[in-house]
Amino acid sequence: MVEQPIRPASRHAVPARATGTYVICAVLLLAPFVALLWVSSYAKVSPRLFGFPFFYWYQLMWVLISAVCTYVSYVLVRRVEPRRERLEDRPGGPR
């Protein structure tokens, strides 16, 4: 049997402590899908907001909430992942 050499961990490997952060990000990104796919929960006219039926303003509200959730997830992932090499810093990269 030939033994495979042990490779050093990639410098881009995510540390084990990041698992909790990824779970939080997954929940933040899945919440808008669950809220909007459950149509029977918001398929009604009242309450109205500025004359708009609930059906419309509820979906518009989730557009804003989705943007906030996506931004928060982005910030959390950027904190746990190590900095990626910039193209200019690579050997043979643009000058």
Protein backbone atom coordinates (compact mmCIF):
# COMPACT_ATOMS: atom_id res chain seq x y z
CA MET A 1 0.00 0.00 0.00
CA VAL A 2 1.25 3.45 -0.90
CA GLU A 3 0.59 6.13 1.67
CA GLN A 4 -0.63 9.47 0.45
CA PRO A 5 1.39 12.44 1.66
CA ILE A 6 -0.39 14.71 4.09
CA ARG A 7 -1.04 18.06 2.51
CA PRO A 8 -0.87 21.18 4.63
CA ALA A 9 -4.17 22.95 5.22
CA SER A 10 -5.07 25.51 2.63
CA ARG A 11 -4.47 29.05 3.73
CA HIS A 12 -8.03 29.77 2.61
CA ALA A 13 -9.49 27.03 4.80
CA VAL A 14 -12.23 28.26 7.06
CA PRO A 15 -11.59 27.66 10.76
CA ALA A 16 -13.95 25.35 12.64
CA ARG A 17 -15.36 28.22 14.69
CA ALA A 18 -16.97 29.67 11.57
CA THR A 19 -19.68 27.00 11.48
CA GLY A 20 -21.98 28.99 13.75
CA THR A 21 -21.57 32.04 11.56
CA TYR A 22 -22.54 30.07 8.47
CA VAL A 23 -25.64 28.73 10.23
CA ILE A 24 -26.67 32.29 11.10
CA CYS A 25 -26.10 33.35 7.49
CA ALA A 26 -28.14 30.43 6.21
CA VAL A 27 -31.06 31.37 8.46
CA LEU A 28 -30.81 35.02 7.38
CA LEU A 29 -30.84 34.05 3.71
CA LEU A 30 -33.62 31.46 4.01
CA ALA A 31 -36.01 33.64 6.03
CA PRO A 32 -37.21 35.71 3.03
CA PHE A 33 -37.80 32.56 0.96
CA VAL A 34 -39.88 30.94 3.67
CA ALA A 35 -41.82 34.13 4.35
CA LEU A 36 -42.66 34.71 0.69
CA LEU A 37 -43.30 31.11 -0.34
CA TRP A 38 -45.93 30.73 2.39
CA VAL A 39 -48.46 32.71 0.35
CA SER A 40 -51.52 31.77 2.37
CA SER A 41 -50.11 33.74 5.31
CA TYR A 42 -50.29 37.05 3.43
CA ALA A 43 -52.92 36.53 0.71
CA LYS A 44 -55.40 39.01 2.15
CA VAL A 45 -56.48 42.60 1.68
CA SER A 46 -56.41 43.99 5.20
CA PRO A 47 -54.65 45.62 6.95
CA ARG A 48 -54.03 48.35 4.41
CA LEU A 49 -51.02 50.64 4.51
CA PHE A 50 -51.39 53.99 2.71
CA GLY A 51 -54.21 52.44 0.70
CA PHE A 52 -52.17 49.42 -0.44
CA PRO A 53 -53.58 45.97 0.34
CA PHE A 54 -51.57 43.81 2.72
CA PHE A 55 -50.66 41.42 -0.12
CA TYR A 56 -48.61 44.11 -1.88
CA TRP A 57 -46.96 45.99 0.95
CA TYR A 58 -45.97 42.76 2.73
CA GLN A 59 -43.99 41.65 -0.32
CA LEU A 60 -42.41 45.07 -0.72
CA MET A 61 -41.42 45.04 2.93
CA TRP A 62 -39.62 41.73 2.36
CA VAL A 63 -37.61 43.26 -0.49
CA LEU A 64 -36.08 45.66 2.03
CA ILE A 65 -35.68 42.98 4.71
CA SER A 66 -33.99 40.69 2.16
CA ALA A 67 -31.48 43.38 1.28
CA VAL A 68 -30.61 43.86 4.95
CA CYS A 69 -30.31 40.10 5.54
CA THR A 70 -28.05 39.71 2.51
CA TYR A 71 -25.81 42.56 3.65
CA VAL A 72 -25.53 41.21 7.20
CA SER A 73 -24.67 37.75 5.82
CA TYR A 74 -22.01 39.25 3.57
CA VAL A 75 -20.41 41.12 6.48
CA LEU A 76 -20.42 38.01 8.69
CA VAL A 77 -18.84 35.80 6.02
CA ARG A 78 -16.17 38.40 5.24
CA ARG A 79 -15.21 38.44 8.93
CA VAL A 80 -14.60 34.71 9.19
CA GLU A 81 -12.97 34.12 5.82
CA PRO A 82 -9.37 35.13 5.45
CA ARG A 83 -8.56 37.86 3.00
CA ARG A 84 -8.38 36.60 -0.55
CA GLU A 85 -5.30 37.41 -2.55
CA ARG A 86 -5.85 40.39 -4.77
CA LEU A 87 -5.09 39.91 -8.43
CA GLU A 88 -2.39 42.61 -8.30
CA ASP A 89 -0.57 40.77 -5.48
CA ARG A 90 -0.25 37.52 -7.40
CA PRO A 91 2.94 36.73 -9.23
CA GLY A 92 2.51 37.49 -12.91
CA GLY A 93 -0.60 39.56 -12.22
CA PRO A 94 -1.39 42.88 -13.90
CA ARG A 95 1.14 45.65 -13.49
